[in-house]
């Protein structure tokens, strides 16, 4: 298991927590200098907050912990390709790396439905790694949505 897989497995644990709560199973963690800074999972349903995606919850927690709204030098691991809202927040937080698991052909903006990674409206560039533990991430989502039908 490589470094990205190690960290993504922790994001998958968070996704499972979301699933247990009846939330769409997406989890995220933030790493800086080889240390886990924060972890979070989807909570829009339980919090009645459309912005409570895993990445947003993570950025909020990490900002409090680091006492800084800028998360420079960090790597964000998330089980699903970020949406436009989350990518905007990740950009503004100045996260250095995004590593995601499953592609999201409907709302993913890191290359699937759109590619906003190089949008001119952002003055920050992020390194991207995709498809890490993709099958595990995809299967969690598939099982969740199948159980709802």
N, C-alpha and C. Protein backbone atom coordinates (compact mmCIF):
# COMPACT_ATOMS: atom_id res chain seq x y z
N UNK A 1 0.85 -1.18 0.00
CA UNK A 1 0.00 0.00 0.00
C UNK A 1 0.90 1.25 0.00
N UNK A 2 0.66 2.13 -0.98
CA UNK A 2 1.47 3.34 -1.04
C UNK A 2 0.89 4.43 -0.13
N UNK A 3 1.55 5.56 -0.06
CA UNK A 3 1.16 6.67 0.83
C UNK A 3 -0.25 7.16 0.51
N UNK A 4 -0.55 7.38 -0.77
CA UNK A 4 -1.88 7.87 -1.14
C UNK A 4 -2.96 6.87 -0.74
N UNK A 5 -2.70 5.59 -0.94
CA UNK A 5 -3.68 4.57 -0.56
C UNK A 5 -3.87 4.52 0.96
N UNK A 6 -2.79 4.71 1.69
CA UNK A 6 -2.87 4.72 3.16
C UNK A 6 -3.80 5.83 3.63
N UNK A 7 -3.59 7.02 3.10
CA UNK A 7 -4.42 8.16 3.52
C UNK A 7 -5.85 8.02 2.99
N UNK A 8 -6.00 7.52 1.78
CA UNK A 8 -7.35 7.36 1.22
C UNK A 8 -8.15 6.35 2.03
N UNK A 9 -7.48 5.35 2.58
CA UNK A 9 -8.21 4.38 3.40
C UNK A 9 -8.82 5.07 4.63
N UNK A 10 -8.18 6.11 5.15
CA UNK A 10 -8.76 6.88 6.26
C UNK A 10 -9.96 7.71 5.78
N UNK A 11 -9.88 8.22 4.57
CA UNK A 11 -11.02 8.95 4.00
C UNK A 11 -12.19 7.99 3.80
N UNK A 12 -11.90 6.76 3.40
CA UNK A 12 -12.96 5.76 3.24
C UNK A 12 -13.63 5.44 4.58
N UNK A 13 -12.87 5.44 5.66
CA UNK A 13 -13.47 5.26 6.99
C UNK A 13 -14.48 6.37 7.27
N UNK A 14 -14.14 7.57 6.89
CA UNK A 14 -15.06 8.70 7.07
C UNK A 14 -16.30 8.52 6.19
N UNK A 15 -16.11 8.04 4.98
CA UNK A 15 -17.26 7.80 4.09
C UNK A 15 -18.21 6.78 4.72
N UNK A 16 -17.66 5.77 5.35
CA UNK A 16 -18.50 4.77 6.01
C UNK A 16 -19.28 5.38 7.17
N UNK A 17 -18.68 6.33 7.87
CA UNK A 17 -19.39 7.04 8.95
C UNK A 17 -20.57 7.80 8.38
N UNK A 18 -20.36 8.45 7.25
CA UNK A 18 -21.46 9.18 6.60
C UNK A 18 -22.59 8.21 6.25
N UNK A 19 -22.22 7.08 5.70
CA UNK A 19 -23.21 6.08 5.31
C UNK A 19 -24.02 5.61 6.51
N UNK A 20 -23.36 5.38 7.63
CA UNK A 20 -24.04 4.95 8.86
C UNK A 20 -25.06 5.99 9.32
N UNK A 21 -24.81 7.25 9.00
CA UNK A 21 -25.71 8.34 9.38
C UNK A 21 -26.81 8.57 8.34
N UNK A 22 -26.80 7.79 7.26
CA UNK A 22 -27.78 7.97 6.21
C UNK A 22 -27.40 9.06 5.21
N UNK A 23 -26.15 9.47 5.26
CA UNK A 23 -25.64 10.48 4.34
C UNK A 23 -24.98 9.79 3.14
N UNK A 24 -24.88 10.52 2.03
CA UNK A 24 -24.15 10.00 0.88
C UNK A 24 -22.71 9.72 1.36
N UNK A 25 -22.20 8.50 1.14
CA UNK A 25 -20.91 8.11 1.72
C UNK A 25 -19.70 8.74 1.03
N UNK A 26 -19.38 9.94 1.46
CA UNK A 26 -18.18 10.64 1.00
C UNK A 26 -17.41 11.05 2.24
N UNK A 27 -16.11 10.76 2.24
CA UNK A 27 -15.26 11.12 3.36
C UNK A 27 -14.01 11.82 2.88
N UNK A 28 -13.42 12.60 3.78
CA UNK A 28 -12.22 13.36 3.43
C UNK A 28 -11.30 13.49 4.63
N UNK A 29 -10.01 13.60 4.33
CA UNK A 29 -9.02 13.88 5.37
C UNK A 29 -8.04 14.91 4.81
N UNK A 30 -7.35 15.59 5.72
CA UNK A 30 -6.34 16.57 5.33
C UNK A 30 -5.04 16.21 6.02
N UNK A 31 -3.97 16.22 5.25
CA UNK A 31 -2.64 15.83 5.73
C UNK A 31 -1.67 16.99 5.50
N UNK A 32 -0.81 17.23 6.47
CA UNK A 32 0.26 18.22 6.31
C UNK A 32 1.52 17.66 6.95
N UNK A 33 2.61 17.69 6.22
CA UNK A 33 3.90 17.20 6.71
C UNK A 33 3.80 15.79 7.28
N UNK A 34 3.04 14.95 6.61
CA UNK A 34 2.91 13.56 7.03
C UNK A 34 2.02 13.33 8.24
N UNK A 35 1.31 14.37 8.69
CA UNK A 35 0.45 14.25 9.86
C UNK A 35 -1.01 14.48 9.48
N UNK A 36 -1.90 13.71 10.07
CA UNK A 36 -3.33 13.90 9.87
C UNK A 36 -3.76 15.16 10.61
N UNK A 37 -4.31 16.11 9.88
CA UNK A 37 -4.74 17.38 10.48
C UNK A 37 -6.21 17.35 10.84
N UNK A 38 -7.04 16.83 9.94
CA UNK A 38 -8.49 16.81 10.18
C UNK A 38 -9.12 15.70 9.35
N UNK A 39 -10.33 15.33 9.77
CA UNK A 39 -11.11 14.33 9.04
C UNK A 39 -12.58 14.76 9.09
N UNK A 40 -13.31 14.41 8.04
CA UNK A 40 -14.72 14.80 7.98
C UNK A 40 -15.46 13.92 6.98
N UNK A 41 -16.77 14.02 7.02
CA UNK A 41 -17.61 13.28 6.09
C UNK A 41 -18.84 14.10 5.76
N UNK A 42 -19.55 13.66 4.74
CA UNK A 42 -20.77 14.35 4.32
C UNK A 42 -21.75 14.47 5.48
N UNK A 43 -22.38 15.65 5.60
CA UNK A 43 -23.40 15.85 6.63
C UNK A 43 -24.53 16.79 6.20
N UNK A 44 -24.78 16.98 4.91
CA UNK A 44 -25.85 17.91 4.53
C UNK A 44 -27.23 17.54 5.08
N UNK A 45 -27.56 16.25 5.08
CA UNK A 45 -28.89 15.82 5.52
C UNK A 45 -29.04 16.03 7.02
N UNK A 46 -28.08 15.54 7.80
CA UNK A 46 -28.20 15.61 9.26
C UNK A 46 -28.08 17.03 9.80
N UNK A 47 -27.40 17.91 9.07
CA UNK A 47 -27.24 19.29 9.53
C UNK A 47 -28.19 20.26 8.85
N UNK A 48 -28.98 19.75 7.89
CA UNK A 48 -29.85 20.63 7.09
C UNK A 48 -29.06 21.77 6.48
N UNK A 49 -27.87 21.43 5.98
CA UNK A 49 -26.95 22.43 5.43
C UNK A 49 -26.39 21.90 4.11
N UNK A 50 -26.86 22.49 3.02
CA UNK A 50 -26.45 22.03 1.69
C UNK A 50 -24.94 22.15 1.49
N UNK A 51 -24.27 23.01 2.24
CA UNK A 51 -22.83 23.19 2.09
C UNK A 51 -22.02 22.20 2.92
N UNK A 52 -22.64 21.33 3.65
CA UNK A 52 -21.92 20.43 4.57
C UNK A 52 -21.36 19.19 3.86
N UNK A 53 -20.77 19.40 2.68
CA UNK A 53 -20.06 18.31 2.01
C UNK A 53 -18.81 17.98 2.82
N UNK A 54 -18.28 16.80 2.60
CA UNK A 54 -17.11 16.34 3.35
C UNK A 54 -15.96 17.34 3.26
N UNK A 55 -15.69 17.85 2.05
CA UNK A 55 -14.56 18.77 1.86
C UNK A 55 -14.76 20.08 2.62
N UNK A 56 -15.96 20.60 2.63
CA UNK A 56 -16.24 21.86 3.33
C UNK A 56 -16.12 21.64 4.84
N UNK A 57 -16.68 20.56 5.33
CA UNK A 57 -16.56 20.24 6.76
C UNK A 57 -15.09 20.09 7.16
N UNK A 58 -14.33 19.48 6.27
CA UNK A 58 -12.90 19.27 6.51
C UNK A 58 -12.15 20.60 6.57
N UNK A 59 -12.40 21.47 5.62
CA UNK A 59 -11.74 22.78 5.57
C UNK A 59 -12.07 23.58 6.83
N UNK A 60 -13.31 23.52 7.26
CA UNK A 60 -13.71 24.23 8.49
C UNK A 60 -12.94 23.70 9.70
N UNK A 61 -12.89 22.38 9.83
CA UNK A 61 -12.19 21.77 10.97
C UNK A 61 -10.70 22.07 10.93
N UNK A 62 -10.10 21.96 9.76
CA UNK A 62 -8.66 22.19 9.63
C UNK A 62 -8.30 23.64 9.91
N UNK A 63 -9.12 24.56 9.42
CA UNK A 63 -8.88 25.98 9.68
C UNK A 63 -8.88 26.29 11.17
N UNK A 64 -9.83 25.70 11.88
CA UNK A 64 -9.89 25.90 13.34
C UNK A 64 -8.66 25.31 14.02
N UNK A 65 -8.29 24.11 13.61
CA UNK A 65 -7.15 23.44 14.23
C UNK A 65 -5.84 24.18 13.97
N UNK A 66 -5.64 24.61 12.72
CA UNK A 66 -4.40 25.30 12.35
C UNK A 66 -4.45 26.81 12.64
N UNK A 67 -5.65 27.29 13.04
CA UNK A 67 -5.86 28.71 13.30
C UNK A 67 -5.47 29.57 12.10
N UNK A 68 -5.88 29.08 10.92
CA UNK A 68 -5.57 29.79 9.69
C UNK A 68 -6.55 29.33 8.61
N UNK A 69 -7.07 30.29 7.87
CA UNK A 69 -7.97 29.92 6.78
C UNK A 69 -7.22 29.45 5.55
N UNK A 70 -5.94 29.69 5.51
CA UNK A 70 -5.09 29.19 4.43
C UNK A 70 -4.51 27.85 4.86
N UNK A 71 -4.67 26.86 4.02
CA UNK A 71 -4.20 25.50 4.32
C UNK A 71 -3.04 25.14 3.40
N UNK A 72 -2.08 26.03 3.30
CA UNK A 72 -0.94 25.83 2.42
C UNK A 72 -0.13 24.60 2.85
N UNK A 73 0.44 23.94 1.86
CA UNK A 73 1.28 22.78 2.13
C UNK A 73 0.51 21.54 2.54
N UNK A 74 -0.81 21.51 2.28
CA UNK A 74 -1.62 20.37 2.69
C UNK A 74 -2.05 19.52 1.49
N UNK A 75 -2.43 18.29 1.80
CA UNK A 75 -3.00 17.38 0.82
C UNK A 75 -4.38 16.97 1.30
N UNK A 76 -5.37 17.10 0.42
CA UNK A 76 -6.74 16.75 0.74
C UNK A 76 -7.08 15.45 0.03
N UNK A 77 -7.47 14.46 0.79
CA UNK A 77 -7.88 13.15 0.26
C UNK A 77 -9.39 13.06 0.40
N UNK A 78 -10.07 12.79 -0.71
CA UNK A 78 -11.53 12.69 -0.68
C UNK A 78 -11.95 11.52 -1.56
N UNK A 79 -12.99 10.82 -1.13
CA UNK A 79 -13.38 9.59 -1.80
C UNK A 79 -14.11 9.81 -3.12
N UNK A 80 -14.59 11.04 -3.35
CA UNK A 80 -15.32 11.36 -4.59
C UNK A 80 -14.79 12.66 -5.16
N UNK A 81 -14.65 12.71 -6.46
CA UNK A 81 -14.20 13.91 -7.16
C UNK A 81 -15.00 15.14 -6.70
N UNK A 82 -14.32 16.22 -6.34
CA UNK A 82 -15.02 17.41 -5.84
C UNK A 82 -15.98 18.05 -6.84
N UNK A 83 -17.04 18.64 -6.29
CA UNK A 83 -17.99 19.43 -7.07
C UNK A 83 -17.47 20.87 -7.18
N UNK A 84 -18.18 21.72 -7.88
CA UNK A 84 -17.75 23.11 -8.09
C UNK A 84 -17.63 23.87 -6.77
N UNK A 85 -18.61 23.70 -5.89
CA UNK A 85 -18.57 24.39 -4.59
C UNK A 85 -17.32 24.01 -3.81
N UNK A 86 -17.08 22.71 -3.74
CA UNK A 86 -15.94 22.23 -2.95
C UNK A 86 -14.61 22.62 -3.57
N UNK A 87 -14.50 22.51 -4.89
CA UNK A 87 -13.25 22.90 -5.53
C UNK A 87 -12.98 24.38 -5.30
N UNK A 88 -14.00 25.22 -5.36
CA UNK A 88 -13.82 26.65 -5.08
C UNK A 88 -13.26 26.88 -3.69
N UNK A 89 -13.82 26.19 -2.70
CA UNK A 89 -13.34 26.33 -1.32
C UNK A 89 -11.92 25.81 -1.18
N UNK A 90 -11.64 24.68 -1.83
CA UNK A 90 -10.29 24.10 -1.78
C UNK A 90 -9.28 25.06 -2.39
N UNK A 91 -9.63 25.67 -3.49
CA UNK A 91 -8.76 26.66 -4.15
C UNK A 91 -8.51 27.85 -3.23
N UNK A 92 -9.58 28.39 -2.67
CA UNK A 92 -9.44 29.57 -1.81
C UNK A 92 -8.65 29.26 -0.54
N UNK A 93 -8.71 28.01 -0.08
CA UNK A 93 -7.94 27.61 1.10
C UNK A 93 -6.47 27.36 0.77
N UNK A 94 -6.14 27.34 -0.51
CA UNK A 94 -4.76 27.15 -0.98
C UNK A 94 -4.19 25.77 -0.66
N UNK A 95 -5.08 24.76 -0.71
CA UNK A 95 -4.63 23.37 -0.57
C UNK A 95 -3.66 23.08 -1.71
N UNK A 96 -2.61 22.33 -1.43
CA UNK A 96 -1.58 22.06 -2.44
C UNK A 96 -1.91 20.86 -3.33
N UNK A 97 -2.49 19.81 -2.75
CA UNK A 97 -2.76 18.58 -3.49
C UNK A 97 -4.19 18.12 -3.22
N UNK A 98 -4.84 17.63 -4.27
CA UNK A 98 -6.11 16.91 -4.12
C UNK A 98 -5.87 15.49 -4.62
N UNK A 99 -6.28 14.52 -3.82
CA UNK A 99 -6.24 13.13 -4.22
C UNK A 99 -7.67 12.61 -4.05
N UNK A 100 -8.28 12.14 -5.14
CA UNK A 100 -9.63 11.62 -4.99
C UNK A 100 -9.74 10.18 -5.47
N UNK A 101 -10.81 9.53 -5.00
CA UNK A 101 -11.05 8.12 -5.33
C UNK A 101 -11.89 7.96 -6.58
N UNK A 102 -13.20 8.05 -6.43
CA UNK A 102 -14.13 7.81 -7.53
C UNK A 102 -14.34 9.07 -8.37
N UNK A 103 -14.46 8.86 -9.65
CA UNK A 103 -14.81 9.95 -10.57
C UNK A 103 -16.31 10.21 -10.44
N UNK A 104 -16.71 11.46 -10.65
CA UNK A 104 -18.12 11.82 -10.60
C UNK A 104 -18.53 12.43 -11.94
N UNK A 105 -19.01 11.59 -12.86
CA UNK A 105 -19.33 12.08 -14.21
C UNK A 105 -20.48 13.09 -14.25
N UNK A 106 -21.27 13.18 -13.18
CA UNK A 106 -22.40 14.12 -13.16
C UNK A 106 -22.00 15.50 -12.65
N UNK A 107 -21.24 15.54 -11.54
CA UNK A 107 -20.95 16.85 -10.94
C UNK A 107 -19.47 17.08 -10.65
N UNK A 108 -18.62 16.15 -11.00
CA UNK A 108 -17.18 16.31 -10.74
C UNK A 108 -16.57 17.37 -11.65
N UNK A 109 -15.78 18.26 -11.06
CA UNK A 109 -15.21 19.36 -11.84
C UNK A 109 -13.68 19.31 -11.92
N UNK A 110 -13.12 18.14 -11.66
CA UNK A 110 -11.67 17.96 -11.79
C UNK A 110 -11.36 17.14 -13.04
N UNK A 111 -12.24 17.20 -14.02
CA UNK A 111 -12.01 16.52 -15.27
C UNK A 111 -13.15 15.66 -15.76
N UNK A 112 -14.09 15.29 -14.90
CA UNK A 112 -15.16 14.39 -15.34
C UNK A 112 -16.27 15.11 -16.11
N UNK A 113 -17.14 15.85 -15.40
CA UNK A 113 -18.20 16.56 -16.12
C UNK A 113 -17.68 17.90 -16.65
N UNK A 114 -16.75 18.47 -15.93
CA UNK A 114 -16.07 19.72 -16.31
C UNK A 114 -14.66 19.66 -15.76
N UNK A 115 -13.81 20.56 -16.25
CA UNK A 115 -12.48 20.67 -15.68
C UNK A 115 -12.24 22.13 -15.28
N UNK A 116 -12.44 22.40 -14.01
CA UNK A 116 -12.23 23.75 -13.49
C UNK A 116 -10.86 23.92 -12.84
N UNK A 117 -10.06 22.87 -12.90
CA UNK A 117 -8.74 22.92 -12.27
C UNK A 117 -7.88 24.06 -12.83
N UNK A 118 -8.05 24.36 -14.10
CA UNK A 118 -7.24 25.40 -14.73
C UNK A 118 -8.07 26.63 -15.08
N UNK A 119 -9.21 26.79 -14.45
CA UNK A 119 -10.07 27.94 -14.74
C UNK A 119 -9.34 29.25 -14.44
N UNK A 120 -9.52 30.22 -15.30
CA UNK A 120 -8.84 31.50 -15.15
C UNK A 120 -9.29 32.28 -13.92
N UNK A 121 -10.45 31.93 -13.37
CA UNK A 121 -10.94 32.66 -12.19
C UNK A 121 -10.18 32.29 -10.93
N UNK A 122 -9.35 31.26 -10.98
CA UNK A 122 -8.55 30.87 -9.82
C UNK A 122 -7.10 31.28 -10.04
N UNK A 123 -6.51 31.91 -9.03
CA UNK A 123 -5.10 32.28 -9.15
C UNK A 123 -4.21 31.30 -8.38
N UNK A 124 -4.71 30.12 -8.13
CA UNK A 124 -3.99 29.08 -7.41
C UNK A 124 -4.04 27.80 -8.24
N UNK A 125 -2.95 27.09 -8.26
CA UNK A 125 -2.89 25.81 -8.97
C UNK A 125 -2.72 24.68 -7.95
N UNK A 126 -3.42 23.60 -8.21
CA UNK A 126 -3.40 22.45 -7.31
C UNK A 126 -2.93 21.23 -8.08
N UNK A 127 -2.08 20.43 -7.45
CA UNK A 127 -1.68 19.14 -8.01
C UNK A 127 -2.83 18.16 -7.80
N UNK A 128 -3.11 17.35 -8.81
CA UNK A 128 -4.24 16.43 -8.75
C UNK A 128 -3.80 15.00 -9.01
N UNK A 129 -4.29 14.10 -8.17
CA UNK A 129 -4.12 12.65 -8.38
C UNK A 129 -5.53 12.07 -8.30
N UNK A 130 -5.90 11.27 -9.29
CA UNK A 130 -7.25 10.73 -9.32
C UNK A 130 -7.24 9.21 -9.36
N UNK A 131 -8.35 8.63 -8.94
CA UNK A 131 -8.54 7.19 -9.03
C UNK A 131 -7.86 6.36 -7.95
N UNK A 132 -7.49 6.96 -6.84
CA UNK A 132 -6.84 6.21 -5.75
C UNK A 132 -7.93 5.48 -4.95
N UNK A 133 -7.80 4.18 -4.86
CA UNK A 133 -8.81 3.29 -4.26
C UNK A 133 -10.18 3.58 -4.86
N UNK A 134 -10.16 3.78 -6.17
CA UNK A 134 -11.38 4.12 -6.91
C UNK A 134 -12.47 3.07 -6.74
N UNK A 135 -12.13 1.81 -6.87
CA UNK A 135 -13.15 0.76 -6.79
C UNK A 135 -13.85 0.73 -5.44
N UNK A 136 -13.09 0.87 -4.36
CA UNK A 136 -13.67 0.90 -3.02
C UNK A 136 -14.61 2.09 -2.85
N UNK A 137 -14.17 3.24 -3.33
CA UNK A 137 -14.98 4.46 -3.23
C UNK A 137 -16.27 4.31 -4.04
N UNK A 138 -16.12 3.81 -5.27
CA UNK A 138 -17.27 3.62 -6.16
C UNK A 138 -18.27 2.63 -5.58
N UNK A 139 -17.76 1.55 -5.01
CA UNK A 139 -18.64 0.51 -4.48
C UNK A 139 -19.47 1.02 -3.31
N UNK A 140 -18.87 1.81 -2.45
CA UNK A 140 -19.62 2.41 -1.32
C UNK A 140 -20.80 3.23 -1.84
N UNK A 141 -20.53 4.06 -2.84
CA UNK A 141 -21.57 4.91 -3.41
C UNK A 141 -22.64 4.06 -4.10
N UNK A 142 -22.21 3.08 -4.87
CA UNK A 142 -23.15 2.22 -5.59
C UNK A 142 -24.07 1.49 -4.62
N UNK A 143 -23.50 0.91 -3.56
CA UNK A 143 -24.30 0.18 -2.56
C UNK A 143 -25.30 1.13 -1.88
N UNK A 144 -24.86 2.32 -1.57
CA UNK A 144 -25.71 3.31 -0.91
C UNK A 144 -26.91 3.64 -1.78
N UNK A 145 -26.67 3.98 -3.04
CA UNK A 145 -27.76 4.38 -3.92
C UNK A 145 -28.65 3.20 -4.29
N UNK A 146 -28.08 2.01 -4.41
CA UNK A 146 -28.90 0.82 -4.67
C UNK A 146 -29.85 0.55 -3.51
N UNK A 147 -29.40 0.78 -2.29
CA UNK A 147 -30.26 0.54 -1.11
C UNK A 147 -31.38 1.56 -1.01
N UNK A 148 -31.25 2.68 -1.69
CA UNK A 148 -32.28 3.73 -1.67
C UNK A 148 -33.35 3.53 -2.73
N UNK A 149 -33.09 2.65 -3.68
CA UNK A 149 -34.04 2.46 -4.79
C UNK A 149 -35.05 1.39 -4.50
